[in-house]
């Protein structure tokens, strides 16, 4: 799901869409969203969400000095607790939005959404670094059919000194169950 302003020239979502289509044209669905309410509506559609195991959110992230963290969209922002409850239950969520790999966002996000694994950058992220990092990740995940954790490790191993962003992989420890 790409949540970028239409006037932004760089679109990581297009790069990933085209790359994944090379692996399997039926494997990906790109949804361009402008409004936070539209993203929430989409995520509340449980029947539709059942069709996906991996969700990639592409947008902007903000974490202020008070550790207020949110996914910033062209027309709205979404805090972790604004996502529908358990909308990503047992799913792998990759986030391409600067700084949303920090605990201020990730811990409440996992608790609210039920995501099994979340991969996100901890620092500012330029679109080129994000694109190359996620192309490599999805290459290992989908083409070589690796587990998400293995695809993350392989990508970090190959790009750690090159792609900036400080990507982190977070696991749901299910301690609330």
Protein backbone atom coordinates (compact mmCIF):
# COMPACT_ATOMS: atom_id res chain seq x y z
CA UNK A 1 0.00 0.00 0.00
CA UNK A 2 1.62 3.19 -1.10
CA UNK A 3 0.67 6.29 0.82
CA UNK A 4 2.66 9.06 -0.83
CA UNK A 5 1.74 12.49 -2.10
CA UNK A 6 1.08 12.46 -5.83
CA UNK A 7 3.60 15.25 -6.35
CA UNK A 8 6.43 13.18 -4.87
CA UNK A 9 8.60 12.23 -7.81
CA UNK A 10 10.17 9.15 -6.27
CA UNK A 11 7.94 6.13 -5.89
CA UNK A 12 9.43 3.10 -4.20
CA UNK A 13 6.09 1.33 -4.63
CA UNK A 14 6.41 1.37 -8.41
CA UNK A 15 9.90 -0.16 -8.20
CA UNK A 16 8.72 -2.93 -5.87
CA UNK A 17 5.56 -3.55 -7.88
CA UNK A 18 7.52 -4.02 -11.11
CA UNK A 19 10.13 -6.20 -9.41
CA UNK A 20 7.63 -8.52 -7.74
CA UNK A 21 5.68 -8.81 -11.01
CA UNK A 22 8.86 -10.22 -12.56
CA UNK A 23 8.70 -13.05 -10.01
CA UNK A 24 4.95 -13.62 -10.39
CA UNK A 25 2.54 -11.13 -12.00
CA UNK A 26 -0.34 -12.32 -9.80
CA UNK A 27 1.60 -12.01 -6.55
CA UNK A 28 1.21 -8.31 -5.88
CA UNK A 29 -1.53 -5.74 -5.60
CA UNK A 30 -0.56 -2.09 -5.26
CA UNK A 31 -3.04 0.26 -3.68
CA UNK A 32 -2.27 3.99 -3.77
CA UNK A 33 -3.91 5.83 -0.92
CA UNK A 34 -4.07 9.51 -0.06
CA UNK A 35 -6.37 9.53 2.98
CA UNK A 36 -5.82 7.84 6.31
CA UNK A 37 -9.54 7.02 6.43
CA UNK A 38 -9.18 5.02 3.17
CA UNK A 39 -6.31 3.00 4.63
CA UNK A 40 -8.35 2.25 7.75
CA UNK A 41 -11.34 1.17 5.62
CA UNK A 42 -9.12 -1.11 3.55
CA UNK A 43 -7.61 -2.71 6.65
CA UNK A 44 -11.05 -3.25 8.19
CA UNK A 45 -12.05 -5.40 5.19
CA UNK A 46 -11.20 -8.73 6.82
CA UNK A 47 -12.22 -10.80 3.81
CA UNK A 48 -9.87 -8.88 1.55
CA UNK A 49 -7.03 -8.89 4.09
CA UNK A 50 -7.22 -12.69 4.34
CA UNK A 51 -5.74 -12.83 0.82
CA UNK A 52 -2.42 -11.38 1.95
CA UNK A 53 0.38 -12.76 4.08
CA UNK A 54 2.85 -9.92 3.47
CA UNK A 55 1.85 -6.27 3.66
CA UNK A 56 4.20 -3.46 2.64
CA UNK A 57 3.34 0.06 3.81
CA UNK A 58 5.17 2.80 1.98
CA UNK A 59 4.85 6.37 3.15
CA UNK A 60 6.40 8.77 5.61
CA UNK A 61 7.11 8.28 9.27
CA UNK A 62 7.42 10.81 12.04
CA UNK A 63 8.65 10.47 15.61
CA UNK A 64 8.82 13.73 17.54
CA UNK A 65 10.80 14.67 20.64
CA UNK A 66 8.02 13.40 22.90
CA UNK A 67 8.13 9.99 21.17
CA UNK A 68 4.80 10.62 19.50
CA UNK A 69 5.08 8.33 16.47
CA UNK A 70 2.80 8.06 13.49
CA UNK A 71 2.52 6.94 9.89
CA UNK A 72 2.14 10.17 7.97
CA UNK A 73 -0.06 10.17 4.88
CA UNK A 74 -0.76 12.95 2.36
CA UNK A 75 -4.10 13.62 4.04
CA UNK A 76 -3.88 12.42 7.62
CA UNK A 77 -1.71 10.61 10.06
CA UNK A 78 -2.17 7.28 11.75
CA UNK A 79 -0.85 6.55 15.20
CA UNK A 80 -0.21 2.88 16.07
CA UNK A 81 -3.41 2.69 18.14
CA UNK A 82 -5.47 4.06 15.19
CA UNK A 83 -4.91 0.92 13.12
CA UNK A 84 -7.81 -1.55 13.31
CA UNK A 85 -7.31 -4.10 16.06
CA UNK A 86 -5.67 -7.32 14.81
CA UNK A 87 -5.79 -6.11 11.18
CA UNK A 88 -2.36 -7.68 10.58
CA UNK A 89 -2.81 -10.71 12.83
CA UNK A 90 -0.25 -13.39 11.92
CA UNK A 91 1.02 -11.33 8.97
CA UNK A 92 4.44 -9.98 8.06
CA UNK A 93 4.38 -6.20 7.74
CA UNK A 94 7.19 -4.28 6.10
CA UNK A 95 7.18 -0.53 6.54
CA UNK A 96 9.08 1.91 4.40
CA UNK A 97 8.71 5.11 6.38
CA UNK A 98 11.55 6.92 8.13
CA UNK A 99 12.03 6.21 11.84
CA UNK A 100 9.02 3.92 12.31
CA UNK A 101 11.32 1.07 13.33
CA UNK A 102 11.71 2.76 16.71
CA UNK A 103 10.08 1.33 19.81
CA UNK A 104 7.80 4.38 20.15
CA UNK A 105 5.93 3.15 17.07
CA UNK A 106 6.69 -0.57 16.84
CA UNK A 107 5.64 -1.79 20.29
CA UNK A 108 2.15 -0.24 20.22
CA UNK A 109 1.81 -1.11 16.51
CA UNK A 110 2.45 -4.81 17.11
CA UNK A 111 0.19 -4.83 20.16
CA UNK A 112 -2.66 -3.10 18.27
CA UNK A 113 -2.41 -4.88 14.91
CA UNK A 114 -1.28 -8.36 15.97
CA UNK A 115 1.44 -8.42 13.28
CA UNK A 116 3.69 -11.46 13.61
CA UNK A 117 6.79 -9.76 12.22
CA UNK A 118 7.42 -6.08 11.44
CA UNK A 119 10.41 -4.82 9.49
CA UNK A 120 11.02 -1.07 9.45
CA UNK A 121 13.83 1.50 9.39
CA UNK A 122 14.91 3.24 12.60
CA UNK A 123 16.42 6.29 10.91
CA UNK A 124 15.72 8.62 8.03
CA UNK A 125 15.40 6.74 4.80
CA UNK A 126 16.03 7.94 1.28
CA UNK A 127 13.77 6.36 -1.38
CA UNK A 128 16.67 4.81 -3.31
CA UNK A 129 17.99 3.01 -0.22
CA UNK A 130 14.48 1.86 0.66
CA UNK A 131 13.87 0.53 -2.83
CA UNK A 132 17.13 -1.40 -3.07
CA UNK A 133 16.74 -2.79 0.47
CA UNK A 134 13.19 -4.02 -0.11
CA UNK A 135 13.93 -5.35 -3.61
CA UNK A 136 16.62 -7.53 -2.03
CA UNK A 137 14.32 -8.55 0.84
CA UNK A 138 11.48 -9.55 -1.49
CA UNK A 139 13.96 -11.32 -3.77
CA UNK A 140 14.96 -13.62 -0.91
CA UNK A 141 11.41 -13.89 0.45
CA UNK A 142 9.52 -14.58 -2.76
CA UNK A 143 11.99 -15.81 -5.38
CA UNK A 144 14.04 -17.99 -3.06
CA UNK A 145 11.05 -18.74 -0.82
CA UNK A 146 12.84 -17.92 2.42
CA UNK A 147 11.16 -17.17 5.72
CA UNK A 148 10.74 -13.48 6.48
CA UNK A 149 13.37 -13.66 9.22
CA UNK A 150 15.87 -15.34 6.87
CA UNK A 151 15.14 -12.87 4.07
CA UNK A 152 15.74 -10.04 6.54
CA UNK A 153 19.05 -11.54 7.72
CA UNK A 154 20.27 -12.14 4.17
CA UNK A 155 19.34 -8.62 3.09
CA UNK A 156 21.08 -7.08 6.09
CA UNK A 157 24.12 -9.26 5.46
CA UNK A 158 24.40 -8.04 1.87
CA UNK A 159 23.42 -4.39 2.27
CA UNK A 160 24.28 -3.42 5.85
CA UNK A 161 27.16 -1.17 4.85
CA UNK A 162 25.40 0.27 1.82
CA UNK A 163 21.70 0.97 2.35
CA UNK A 164 21.09 3.45 5.13
CA UNK A 165 18.08 3.41 7.39
CA UNK A 166 19.00 1.03 10.19
CA UNK A 167 16.41 -1.61 9.37
CA UNK A 168 15.12 -3.67 12.29
CA UNK A 169 13.10 -6.84 12.45
CA UNK A 170 10.63 -7.02 15.34
CA UNK A 171 8.79 -10.16 16.43
CA UNK A 172 5.45 -10.43 18.20
CA UNK A 173 6.21 -12.23 21.45
CA UNK A 174 2.47 -12.86 22.08
CA UNK A 175 2.98 -11.99 25.78
CA UNK A 176 -0.53 -10.52 25.95
CA UNK A 177 -2.21 -13.86 25.18
